[in-house]
C-alpha atoms as a PDB file:
ATOM      1  CA  UNK A   1      20.600   8.347  18.161  1.00  0.00           C
ATOM      2  CA  UNK A   2      21.560   4.896  19.426  1.00  0.00           C
ATOM      3  CA  UNK A   3      22.046   2.057  16.996  1.00  0.00           C
ATOM      4  CA  UNK A   4      18.828   0.194  17.905  1.00  0.00           C
ATOM      5  CA  UNK A   5      16.641   3.271  18.249  1.00  0.00           C
ATOM      6  CA  UNK A   6      13.800   3.833  15.793  1.00  0.00           C
ATOM      7  CA  UNK A   7      13.835   7.043  13.714  1.00  0.00           C
ATOM      8  CA  UNK A   8      10.448   8.770  13.902  1.00  0.00           C
ATOM      9  CA  UNK A   9       9.369  11.257  11.187  1.00  0.00           C
ATOM     10  CA  UNK A  10       7.809  14.563  12.282  1.00  0.00           C
ATOM     11  CA  UNK A  11       4.165  13.471  11.823  1.00  0.00           C
ATOM     12  CA  UNK A  12       4.747  10.199  13.689  1.00  0.00           C
ATOM     13  CA  UNK A  13       3.956   9.812  17.377  1.00  0.00           C
ATOM     14  CA  UNK A  14       6.188   7.457  19.403  1.00  0.00           C
ATOM     15  CA  UNK A  15       4.105   4.962  21.382  1.00  0.00           C
ATOM     16  CA  UNK A  16       4.607   2.094  23.775  1.00  0.00           C
ATOM     17  CA  UNK A  17       2.016  -0.654  24.280  1.00  0.00           C
ATOM     18  CA  UNK A  18       1.173  -1.854  27.783  1.00  0.00           C
ATOM     19  CA  UNK A  19       0.143  -5.495  28.248  1.00  0.00           C
ATOM     20  CA  UNK A  20      -0.617  -7.515  31.375  1.00  0.00           C
ATOM     21  CA  UNK A  21      -0.871 -11.102  32.511  1.00  0.00           C
ATOM     22  CA  UNK A  22      -3.539 -11.239  35.199  1.00  0.00           C
ATOM     23  CA  UNK A  23      -4.454 -14.084  37.527  1.00  0.00           C
ATOM     24  CA  UNK A  24      -8.000 -15.426  37.212  1.00  0.00           C
ATOM     25  CA  UNK A  25      -9.733 -16.749  40.310  1.00  0.00           C
ATOM     26  CA  UNK A  26     -12.938 -18.703  40.558  1.00  0.00           C
ATOM     27  CA  UNK A  27     -12.639 -20.222  37.082  1.00  0.00           C
ATOM     28  CA  UNK A  28     -11.831 -23.953  36.912  1.00  0.00           C
ATOM     29  CA  UNK A  29     -10.660 -23.751  33.268  1.00  0.00           C
ATOM     30  CA  UNK A  30      -8.169 -20.875  33.289  1.00  0.00           C
ATOM     31  CA  UNK A  31      -5.751 -19.497  35.870  1.00  0.00           C
ATOM     32  CA  UNK A  32      -4.569 -16.390  33.995  1.00  0.00           C
ATOM     33  CA  UNK A  33      -5.415 -14.151  31.073  1.00  0.00           C
ATOM     34  CA  UNK A  34      -3.533 -11.675  28.921  1.00  0.00           C
ATOM     35  CA  UNK A  35      -4.795  -8.194  28.112  1.00  0.00           C
ATOM     36  CA  UNK A  36      -3.698  -5.168  26.146  1.00  0.00           C
ATOM     37  CA  UNK A  37      -4.215  -2.363  28.667  1.00  0.00           C
ATOM     38  CA  UNK A  38      -3.395   0.685  26.584  1.00  0.00           C
ATOM     39  CA  UNK A  39      -0.673   2.851  25.112  1.00  0.00           C
ATOM     40  CA  UNK A  40       1.544   5.642  26.365  1.00  0.00           C
ATOM     41  CA  UNK A  41       2.967   8.335  24.125  1.00  0.00           C
ATOM     42  CA  UNK A  42       5.918  10.656  23.981  1.00  0.00           C
ATOM     43  CA  UNK A  43       9.631  10.853  23.452  1.00  0.00           C
ATOM     44  CA  UNK A  44      10.239   9.076  26.778  1.00  0.00           C
ATOM     45  CA  UNK A  45       8.769   5.823  25.384  1.00  0.00           C
ATOM     46  CA  UNK A  46      10.961   5.840  22.307  1.00  0.00           C
ATOM     47  CA  UNK A  47      13.330   2.937  22.572  1.00  0.00           C
ATOM     48  CA  UNK A  48      14.805  -0.080  20.876  1.00  0.00           C
ATOM     49  CA  UNK A  49      12.662  -1.603  18.164  1.00  0.00           C
ATOM     50  CA  UNK A  50      10.059  -3.995  19.535  1.00  0.00           C
ATOM     51  CA  UNK A  51      11.569  -4.455  22.987  1.00  0.00           C
ATOM     52  CA  UNK A  52       9.576  -5.762  25.960  1.00  0.00           C
ATOM     53  CA  UNK A  53      10.407  -4.712  29.508  1.00  0.00           C
ATOM     54  CA  UNK A  54       8.731  -5.545  32.796  1.00  0.00           C
ATOM     55  CA  UNK A  55       7.103  -2.454  34.299  1.00  0.00           C
ATOM     56  CA  UNK A  56       6.179  -4.185  37.545  1.00  0.00           C
ATOM     57  CA  UNK A  57       5.406  -7.612  38.901  1.00  0.00           C
ATOM     58  CA  UNK A  58       3.068  -8.014  41.824  1.00  0.00           C
ATOM     59  CA  UNK A  59       0.078  -9.979  43.073  1.00  0.00           C
ATOM     60  CA  UNK A  60      -2.074  -8.511  40.275  1.00  0.00           C
ATOM     61  CA  UNK A  61       0.338 -10.041  37.756  1.00  0.00           C
ATOM     62  CA  UNK A  62       3.146  -8.650  35.636  1.00  0.00           C
ATOM     63  CA  UNK A  63       2.745  -5.567  33.444  1.00  0.00           C
ATOM     64  CA  UNK A  64       4.887  -5.161  30.338  1.00  0.00           C
ATOM     65  CA  UNK A  65       5.876  -2.200  28.176  1.00  0.00           C
ATOM     66  CA  UNK A  66       6.516  -2.829  24.469  1.00  0.00           C
ATOM     67  CA  UNK A  67       8.550  -0.022  22.882  1.00  0.00           C
ATOM     68  CA  UNK A  68       9.492   0.695  19.318  1.00  0.00           C
ATOM     69  CA  UNK A  69       6.101   1.701  17.920  1.00  0.00           C
ATOM     70  CA  UNK A  70       5.125   4.874  16.126  1.00  0.00           C
ATOM     71  CA  UNK A  71       1.701   6.069  15.110  1.00  0.00           C
ATOM     72  CA  UNK A  72       2.244   7.123  11.499  1.00  0.00           C
ATOM     73  CA  UNK A  73      -0.193   9.808  10.351  1.00  0.00           C
ATOM     74  CA  UNK A  74      -0.985   9.897   6.635  1.00  0.00           C
ATOM     75  CA  UNK A  75      -2.760  12.740   4.857  1.00  0.00           C
ATOM     76  CA  UNK A  76      -4.757  10.271   2.748  1.00  0.00           C
ATOM     77  CA  UNK A  77      -6.341   8.807   5.911  1.00  0.00           C
ATOM     78  CA  UNK A  78      -7.323  12.118   7.538  1.00  0.00           C
ATOM     79  CA  UNK A  79     -11.048  11.427   6.976  1.00  0.00           C
ATOM     80  CA  UNK A  80     -10.824   8.153   8.913  1.00  0.00           C
ATOM     81  CA  UNK A  81      -8.957   9.928  11.726  1.00  0.00           C
ATOM     82  CA  UNK A  82     -11.690  12.581  11.801  1.00  0.00           C
ATOM     83  CA  UNK A  83     -14.408   9.966  12.319  1.00  0.00           C
ATOM     84  CA  UNK A  84     -12.332   8.261  15.011  1.00  0.00           C
ATOM     85  CA  UNK A  85     -11.944  11.574  16.867  1.00  0.00           C
ATOM     86  CA  UNK A  86     -15.636  12.505  16.758  1.00  0.00           C
ATOM     87  CA  UNK A  87     -16.757   9.026  17.856  1.00  0.00           C
ATOM     88  CA  UNK A  88     -17.848   8.246  21.388  1.00  0.00           C
ATOM     89  CA  UNK A  89     -14.576   6.409  22.182  1.00  0.00           C
ATOM     90  CA  UNK A  90     -11.567   7.748  20.243  1.00  0.00           C
ATOM     91  CA  UNK A  91      -9.255   4.740  20.017  1.00  0.00           C
ATOM     92  CA  UNK A  92      -5.837   3.535  19.071  1.00  0.00           C
ATOM     93  CA  UNK A  93      -5.792   0.046  17.607  1.00  0.00           C
ATOM     94  CA  UNK A  94      -3.036  -2.308  18.701  1.00  0.00           C
ATOM     95  CA  UNK A  95      -2.461  -5.053  16.137  1.00  0.00           C
ATOM     96  CA  UNK A  96      -1.031  -8.235  17.611  1.00  0.00           C
ATOM     97  CA  UNK A  97      -0.632 -11.962  17.285  1.00  0.00           C
ATOM     98  CA  UNK A  98      -0.521 -14.502  20.097  1.00  0.00           C
ATOM     99  CA  UNK A  99       2.541 -16.587  20.900  1.00  0.00           C
ATOM    100  CA  UNK A 100       2.316 -20.220  22.047  1.00  0.00           C
ATOM    101  CA  UNK A 101       1.679 -19.160  25.675  1.00  0.00           C
ATOM    102  CA  UNK A 102      -1.233 -16.923  24.675  1.00  0.00           C
ATOM    103  CA  UNK A 103       0.661 -13.665  25.178  1.00  0.00           C
ATOM    104  CA  UNK A 104      -0.360 -10.918  22.734  1.00  0.00           C
ATOM    105  CA  UNK A 105       2.723  -9.762  20.824  1.00  0.00           C
ATOM    106  CA  UNK A 106       2.085  -6.248  19.459  1.00  0.00           C
ATOM    107  CA  UNK A 107       3.129  -5.818  15.831  1.00  0.00           C
ATOM    108  CA  UNK A 108       1.801  -2.343  14.930  1.00  0.00           C
ATOM    109  CA  UNK A 109      -0.484   0.488  16.041  1.00  0.00           C
ATOM    110  CA  UNK A 110      -2.966   2.607  14.113  1.00  0.00           C
ATOM    111  CA  UNK A 111      -6.015   4.843  14.408  1.00  0.00           C
ATOM    112  CA  UNK A 112      -7.741   3.992  11.130  1.00  0.00           C
ATOM    113  CA  UNK A 113     -10.838   1.936  11.993  1.00  0.00           C
ATOM    114  CA  UNK A 114     -11.018   0.545   8.451  1.00  0.00           C
ATOM    115  CA  UNK A 115      -7.504  -0.865   8.852  1.00  0.00           C
ATOM    116  CA  UNK A 116      -8.547  -2.333  12.223  1.00  0.00           C
ATOM    117  CA  UNK A 117     -11.576  -4.025  10.643  1.00  0.00           C
ATOM    118  CA  UNK A 118      -9.380  -5.413   7.851  1.00  0.00           C
ATOM    119  CA  UNK A 119      -6.959  -6.899  10.405  1.00  0.00           C
ATOM    120  CA  UNK A 120      -9.853  -8.434  12.316  1.00  0.00           C
ATOM    121  CA  UNK A 121     -11.467  -9.875   9.182  1.00  0.00           C
ATOM    122  CA  UNK A 122      -8.107 -11.388   8.178  1.00  0.00           C
ATOM    123  CA  UNK A 123      -8.011 -13.291  11.483  1.00  0.00           C
ATOM    124  CA  UNK A 124      -5.521 -11.018  13.239  1.00  0.00           C
ATOM    125  CA  UNK A 125      -6.138  -9.359  16.557  1.00  0.00           C
ATOM    126  CA  UNK A 126      -6.957  -5.657  16.750  1.00  0.00           C
ATOM    127  CA  UNK A 127      -7.357  -4.331  20.289  1.00  0.00           C
ATOM    128  CA  UNK A 128      -9.077  -0.952  20.663  1.00  0.00           C
ATOM    129  CA  UNK A 129      -7.586   1.023  23.547  1.00  0.00           C
ATOM    130  CA  UNK A 130      -8.410   4.573  24.663  1.00  0.00           C
ATOM    131  CA  UNK A 131      -6.532   7.332  22.860  1.00  0.00           C
ATOM    132  CA  UNK A 132      -4.401   9.298  25.346  1.00  0.00           C
ATOM    133  CA  UNK A 133      -5.181  13.047  25.477  1.00  0.00           C
ATOM    134  CA  UNK A 134      -1.770  14.093  24.102  1.00  0.00           C
ATOM    135  CA  UNK A 135      -2.265  11.792  21.099  1.00  0.00           C
ATOM    136  CA  UNK A 136      -5.806  13.092  20.625  1.00  0.00           C
ATOM    137  CA  UNK A 137      -4.493  16.683  20.473  1.00  0.00           C
ATOM    138  CA  UNK A 138      -1.786  15.813  17.915  1.00  0.00           C
ATOM    139  CA  UNK A 139      -4.222  13.865  15.723  1.00  0.00           C
ATOM    140  CA  UNK A 140      -6.801  16.647  16.014  1.00  0.00           C
ATOM    141  CA  UNK A 141      -4.216  19.205  14.851  1.00  0.00           C
ATOM    142  CA  UNK A 142      -3.242  16.886  11.972  1.00  0.00           C
ATOM    143  CA  UNK A 143      -6.898  16.478  10.938  1.00  0.00           C
ATOM    144  CA  UNK A 144      -7.509  20.241  11.067  1.00  0.00           C
ATOM    145  CA  UNK A 145      -4.532  20.760   8.757  1.00  0.00           C
ATOM    146  CA  UNK A 146      -5.232  17.955   6.276  1.00  0.00           C
ATOM    147  CA  UNK A 147      -8.901  16.871   6.315  1.00  0.00           C
ATOM    148  CA  UNK A 148     -11.094  18.244   3.556  1.00  0.00           C
ATOM    149  CA  UNK A 149     -14.717  17.105   3.773  1.00  0.00           C
ATOM    150  CA  UNK A 150     -16.199  16.017   0.478  1.00  0.00           C
ATOM    151  CA  UNK A 151     -18.741  18.358  -1.012  1.00  0.00           C
ATOM    152  CA  UNK A 152     -22.204  16.806  -1.130  1.00  0.00           C
ATOM    153  CA  UNK A 153     -23.137  15.862  -4.655  1.00  0.00           C
ATOM    154  CA  UNK A 154     -26.006  17.773  -6.182  1.00  0.00           C
ATOM    155  CA  UNK A 155     -28.867  15.687  -7.476  1.00  0.00           C
ATOM    156  CA  UNK A 156     -29.774  16.580 -11.009  1.00  0.00           C
ATOM    157  CA  UNK A 157     -33.430  17.359 -11.561  1.00  0.00           C
ATOM    158  CA  UNK A 158     -34.938  15.633 -14.529  1.00  0.00           C
ATOM    159  CA  UNK A 159     -37.367  17.622 -16.634  1.00  0.00           C
ATOM    160  CA  UNK A 160     -39.617  15.371 -18.667  1.00  0.00           C
ATOM    161  CA  UNK A 161     -41.046  18.171 -20.757  1.00  0.00           C
ATOM    162  CA  UNK A 162     -44.013  20.505 -20.416  1.00  0.00           C
ATOM    163  CA  UNK A 163     -46.257  17.861 -18.823  1.00  0.00           C
ATOM    164  CA  UNK A 164     -43.787  16.957 -16.044  1.00  0.00           C
ATOM    165  CA  UNK A 165     -45.379  17.093 -12.642  1.00  0.00           C
ATOM    166  CA  UNK A 166     -48.929  17.518 -13.956  1.00  0.00           C
ATOM    167  CA  UNK A 167     -51.566  14.980 -13.158  1.00  0.00           C
ATOM    168  CA  UNK A 168     -53.173  13.375 -16.140  1.00  0.00           C
ATOM    169  CA  UNK A 169     -56.865  13.786 -16.344  1.00  0.00           C
ATOM    170  CA  UNK A 170     -58.757  10.561 -16.696  1.00  0.00           C
ATOM    171  CA  UNK A 171     -61.157  10.643 -19.603  1.00  0.00           C
ATOM    172  CA  UNK A 172     -63.856   7.968 -19.219  1.00  0.00           C
ATOM    173  CA  UNK A 173     -64.167   7.713 -22.997  1.00  0.00           C
ATOM    174  CA  UNK A 174     -60.542   6.488 -23.415  1.00  0.00           C
END
């Protein structure tokens, strides 16, 4: 392993974040915008910690790859992963802050929607991007191994004695 390379535990999935600066036409107030396009997974994207490289630069604007991220799977969060997987849009959340030019600088990745909401409520950015199929399969396998649905709690029936459930007869003389 090279000196700057990130060590990734067995349950972690190496990821790179893809961002883009795109030109905006027909808008008198802005000429460009930044977007988080998605993530790519696999050993090939493992690289130096938090390094940005240009993937390509063309008329549609430059695209950047941010390496040095790992999706860390925790057994205690398996229920949240389960709900992410069964949702209509399984997502990876890219947590970022903006530099002075407006570029999103990725700081972490996750798949726990509660963590994403907490980041958002704290004023940080959390971009939801589609979960790649190879990540979906690894997370699904992790959930199958570690998720244990909670048993529904039984409601206790209250018995108020021999008259419970009986209608009282109205006696006009009372």
